[in-house]
N, C-alpha and C. Protein backbone atom coordinates (compact mmCIF):
# COMPACT_ATOMS: atom_id res chain seq x y z
N UNK A 1 -19.03 46.57 40.95
CA UNK A 1 -18.44 47.73 40.31
C UNK A 1 -17.48 47.29 39.22
N UNK A 2 -17.37 48.12 38.20
CA UNK A 2 -16.47 47.83 37.08
C UNK A 2 -15.02 47.95 37.49
N UNK A 3 -14.21 47.18 36.82
CA UNK A 3 -12.77 47.20 37.10
C UNK A 3 -12.11 48.32 36.30
N UNK A 4 -11.20 49.03 36.92
CA UNK A 4 -10.47 50.10 36.22
C UNK A 4 -9.51 49.49 35.21
N UNK A 5 -9.34 50.14 34.07
CA UNK A 5 -8.36 49.62 33.10
C UNK A 5 -6.95 49.76 33.66
N UNK A 6 -6.11 48.80 33.33
CA UNK A 6 -4.71 48.85 33.75
C UNK A 6 -4.00 49.97 33.01
N UNK A 7 -2.91 50.46 33.58
CA UNK A 7 -2.18 51.58 33.00
C UNK A 7 -1.76 51.29 31.56
N UNK A 8 -1.29 50.11 31.27
CA UNK A 8 -0.81 49.77 29.93
C UNK A 8 -1.96 49.74 28.92
N UNK A 9 -3.18 49.50 29.40
CA UNK A 9 -4.32 49.40 28.50
C UNK A 9 -4.91 50.77 28.14
N UNK A 10 -4.57 51.79 28.90
CA UNK A 10 -5.08 53.13 28.62
C UNK A 10 -4.42 53.68 27.36
N UNK A 11 -5.21 54.34 26.55
CA UNK A 11 -4.64 54.93 25.34
C UNK A 11 -4.06 56.30 25.67
N UNK A 12 -2.97 56.61 25.02
CA UNK A 12 -2.32 57.91 25.22
C UNK A 12 -3.08 58.95 24.41
N UNK A 13 -3.35 60.10 25.01
CA UNK A 13 -4.10 61.11 24.25
C UNK A 13 -3.22 61.71 23.16
N UNK A 14 -3.86 62.26 22.16
CA UNK A 14 -3.17 62.76 20.97
C UNK A 14 -2.18 63.87 21.30
N UNK A 15 -2.57 64.76 22.19
CA UNK A 15 -1.70 65.87 22.58
C UNK A 15 -0.39 65.36 23.19
N UNK A 16 -0.49 64.43 24.12
CA UNK A 16 0.71 63.88 24.75
C UNK A 16 1.55 63.09 23.76
N UNK A 17 0.90 62.33 22.89
CA UNK A 17 1.61 61.56 21.88
C UNK A 17 2.39 62.49 20.95
N UNK A 18 1.74 63.55 20.49
CA UNK A 18 2.38 64.52 19.60
C UNK A 18 3.57 65.19 20.28
N UNK A 19 3.35 65.74 21.47
CA UNK A 19 4.42 66.45 22.17
C UNK A 19 5.58 65.52 22.53
N UNK A 20 5.28 64.31 22.93
CA UNK A 20 6.34 63.37 23.28
C UNK A 20 7.15 62.97 22.05
N UNK A 21 6.48 62.83 20.91
CA UNK A 21 7.17 62.48 19.67
C UNK A 21 8.12 63.59 19.23
N UNK A 22 7.66 64.84 19.27
CA UNK A 22 8.55 65.94 18.87
C UNK A 22 9.65 66.17 19.91
N UNK A 23 9.36 65.86 21.16
CA UNK A 23 10.39 65.99 22.21
C UNK A 23 11.51 64.98 21.98
N UNK A 24 11.12 63.72 21.77
CA UNK A 24 12.12 62.66 21.57
C UNK A 24 12.95 62.88 20.31
N UNK A 25 12.30 63.34 19.23
CA UNK A 25 13.00 63.52 17.96
C UNK A 25 13.79 64.83 17.91
N UNK A 26 13.56 65.69 18.90
CA UNK A 26 14.20 67.02 18.93
C UNK A 26 13.92 67.80 17.64
N UNK A 27 12.73 67.58 17.11
CA UNK A 27 12.27 68.23 15.90
C UNK A 27 11.95 69.70 16.21
N UNK A 28 12.67 70.65 15.61
CA UNK A 28 12.35 72.07 15.85
C UNK A 28 10.92 72.38 15.41
N UNK A 29 10.28 73.29 16.14
CA UNK A 29 8.91 73.64 15.80
C UNK A 29 8.63 75.10 16.08
N UNK A 30 7.52 75.54 15.56
CA UNK A 30 7.04 76.90 15.81
C UNK A 30 5.73 76.79 16.58
N UNK A 31 5.64 77.54 17.66
CA UNK A 31 4.41 77.61 18.44
C UNK A 31 3.82 79.00 18.23
N UNK A 32 2.57 79.03 17.78
CA UNK A 32 1.85 80.29 17.62
C UNK A 32 0.94 80.46 18.83
N UNK A 33 1.03 81.60 19.48
CA UNK A 33 0.18 81.88 20.63
C UNK A 33 -1.10 82.58 20.18
N UNK A 34 -2.10 82.58 21.04
CA UNK A 34 -3.39 83.17 20.68
C UNK A 34 -3.30 84.69 20.50
N UNK A 35 -2.24 85.30 21.05
CA UNK A 35 -2.07 86.75 20.87
C UNK A 35 -1.24 87.09 19.63
N UNK A 36 -0.89 86.06 18.83
CA UNK A 36 -0.16 86.28 17.58
C UNK A 36 1.35 86.12 17.68
N UNK A 37 1.89 85.98 18.88
CA UNK A 37 3.33 85.81 19.06
C UNK A 37 3.75 84.46 18.50
N UNK A 38 4.91 84.44 17.84
CA UNK A 38 5.46 83.22 17.24
C UNK A 38 6.72 82.84 18.01
N UNK A 39 6.77 81.63 18.54
CA UNK A 39 7.94 81.13 19.26
C UNK A 39 8.51 79.93 18.51
N UNK A 40 9.82 79.84 18.43
CA UNK A 40 10.45 78.68 17.80
C UNK A 40 11.41 78.03 18.77
N UNK A 41 11.61 76.73 18.61
CA UNK A 41 12.54 76.01 19.47
C UNK A 41 12.27 74.53 19.45
N UNK A 42 12.80 73.87 20.47
CA UNK A 42 12.67 72.43 20.63
C UNK A 42 11.97 72.16 21.96
N UNK A 43 10.98 71.27 21.96
CA UNK A 43 10.29 70.90 23.19
C UNK A 43 11.23 70.03 24.02
N UNK A 44 11.50 70.45 25.25
CA UNK A 44 12.35 69.66 26.13
C UNK A 44 11.54 68.93 27.19
N UNK A 45 10.35 69.45 27.49
CA UNK A 45 9.50 68.84 28.49
C UNK A 45 8.09 69.42 28.38
N UNK A 46 7.12 68.72 28.97
CA UNK A 46 5.75 69.22 29.00
C UNK A 46 4.98 68.50 30.09
N UNK A 47 3.89 69.11 30.52
CA UNK A 47 2.98 68.46 31.45
C UNK A 47 1.55 68.83 31.06
N UNK A 48 0.61 68.68 31.97
CA UNK A 48 -0.79 68.96 31.64
C UNK A 48 -1.06 70.43 31.34
N UNK A 49 -0.20 71.32 31.84
CA UNK A 49 -0.49 72.74 31.75
C UNK A 49 0.48 73.56 30.91
N UNK A 50 1.70 73.07 30.71
CA UNK A 50 2.69 73.89 30.02
C UNK A 50 3.67 73.06 29.20
N UNK A 51 4.40 73.79 28.34
CA UNK A 51 5.43 73.20 27.47
C UNK A 51 6.71 73.98 27.71
N UNK A 52 7.82 73.27 27.88
CA UNK A 52 9.12 73.91 28.04
C UNK A 52 9.80 73.90 26.68
N UNK A 53 10.08 75.09 26.16
CA UNK A 53 10.64 75.27 24.83
C UNK A 53 12.06 75.81 24.96
N UNK A 54 13.01 75.19 24.25
CA UNK A 54 14.42 75.60 24.35
C UNK A 54 14.90 76.13 23.01
N UNK A 55 15.62 77.27 23.07
CA UNK A 55 16.19 77.88 21.87
C UNK A 55 17.42 78.68 22.26
N UNK A 56 18.50 78.47 21.52
CA UNK A 56 19.76 79.19 21.76
C UNK A 56 20.19 79.15 23.22
N UNK A 57 20.03 78.00 23.85
CA UNK A 57 20.48 77.84 25.23
C UNK A 57 19.56 78.43 26.28
N UNK A 58 18.43 78.99 25.87
CA UNK A 58 17.47 79.57 26.80
C UNK A 58 16.17 78.77 26.78
N UNK A 59 15.54 78.65 27.92
CA UNK A 59 14.26 77.95 28.01
C UNK A 59 13.12 78.93 28.22
N UNK A 60 11.97 78.59 27.65
CA UNK A 60 10.75 79.38 27.84
C UNK A 60 9.66 78.43 28.29
N UNK A 61 8.96 78.80 29.34
CA UNK A 61 7.82 78.04 29.81
C UNK A 61 6.57 78.64 29.18
N UNK A 62 5.88 77.85 28.37
CA UNK A 62 4.71 78.34 27.64
C UNK A 62 3.48 77.61 28.16
N UNK A 63 2.51 78.37 28.62
CA UNK A 63 1.28 77.76 29.11
C UNK A 63 0.41 77.31 27.94
N UNK A 64 -0.10 76.09 28.04
CA UNK A 64 -0.87 75.51 26.94
C UNK A 64 -2.12 76.33 26.61
N UNK A 65 -2.73 76.97 27.61
CA UNK A 65 -3.95 77.73 27.33
C UNK A 65 -3.67 78.94 26.44
N UNK A 66 -2.39 79.31 26.30
CA UNK A 66 -2.02 80.45 25.44
C UNK A 66 -1.65 80.01 24.02
N UNK A 67 -1.57 78.69 23.79
CA UNK A 67 -1.14 78.17 22.48
C UNK A 67 -2.32 78.04 21.54
N UNK A 68 -2.12 78.53 20.32
CA UNK A 68 -3.11 78.39 19.26
C UNK A 68 -2.77 77.20 18.37
N UNK A 69 -1.52 77.16 17.88
CA UNK A 69 -1.09 76.16 16.90
C UNK A 69 0.35 75.77 17.16
N UNK A 70 0.66 74.49 16.91
CA UNK A 70 2.05 74.02 16.96
C UNK A 70 2.37 73.46 15.58
N UNK A 71 3.43 73.99 14.98
CA UNK A 71 3.80 73.60 13.62
C UNK A 71 5.25 73.08 13.59
N UNK A 72 5.43 71.76 13.49
CA UNK A 72 6.78 71.20 13.40
C UNK A 72 7.45 71.57 12.08
N UNK A 73 8.78 71.65 12.09
CA UNK A 73 9.51 72.00 10.86
C UNK A 73 9.63 70.80 9.92
N UNK A 74 9.42 69.60 10.45
CA UNK A 74 9.47 68.37 9.65
C UNK A 74 8.23 67.54 9.96
N UNK A 75 7.83 66.66 9.03
CA UNK A 75 6.66 65.82 9.29
C UNK A 75 6.85 64.97 10.55
N UNK A 76 5.75 64.73 11.25
CA UNK A 76 5.78 63.95 12.48
C UNK A 76 4.99 62.67 12.25
N UNK A 77 5.62 61.52 12.51
CA UNK A 77 4.94 60.23 12.38
C UNK A 77 4.53 59.80 13.78
N UNK A 78 3.23 59.83 14.04
CA UNK A 78 2.74 59.52 15.38
C UNK A 78 2.56 58.03 15.61
N UNK A 79 2.23 57.30 14.58
CA UNK A 79 1.97 55.87 14.71
C UNK A 79 2.85 55.10 13.75
N UNK A 80 3.14 53.86 14.10
CA UNK A 80 3.89 52.98 13.20
C UNK A 80 3.02 52.67 11.99
N UNK A 81 3.65 52.45 10.86
CA UNK A 81 2.91 52.09 9.64
C UNK A 81 2.11 50.81 9.87
N UNK A 82 2.69 49.88 10.62
CA UNK A 82 2.03 48.61 10.92
C UNK A 82 0.75 48.85 11.72
N UNK A 83 0.80 49.75 12.68
CA UNK A 83 -0.36 50.08 13.50
C UNK A 83 -1.48 50.69 12.67
N UNK A 84 -1.13 51.61 11.76
CA UNK A 84 -2.16 52.26 10.95
C UNK A 84 -2.79 51.29 9.96
N UNK A 85 -2.03 50.29 9.50
CA UNK A 85 -2.59 49.28 8.60
C UNK A 85 -3.60 48.41 9.33
N UNK A 86 -3.36 48.13 10.61
CA UNK A 86 -4.29 47.34 11.40
C UNK A 86 -5.61 48.06 11.59
N UNK A 87 -5.55 49.38 11.74
CA UNK A 87 -6.75 50.16 11.99
C UNK A 87 -7.61 50.33 10.75
N UNK A 88 -7.05 50.12 9.57
CA UNK A 88 -7.78 50.33 8.30
C UNK A 88 -8.79 49.24 8.06
């Protein structure tokens, strides 16, 4: 049987990488829901099913299946410049 890849060797999925980057940077963002509602705030936490959004001292738990688009207020750099040069 094949050997399972070690945890460090697994690649992080794009969704987790994006959310973790905006969480760490405390970059304000706008979340558009599929019903047209627009939410703004800072991502404080997330898991496989939901995102915790904080604004004006209040938290909102937003289920990912209800999210259409996430738009950060500032550009997000997901990879180091050195990493992207290696991939080219």
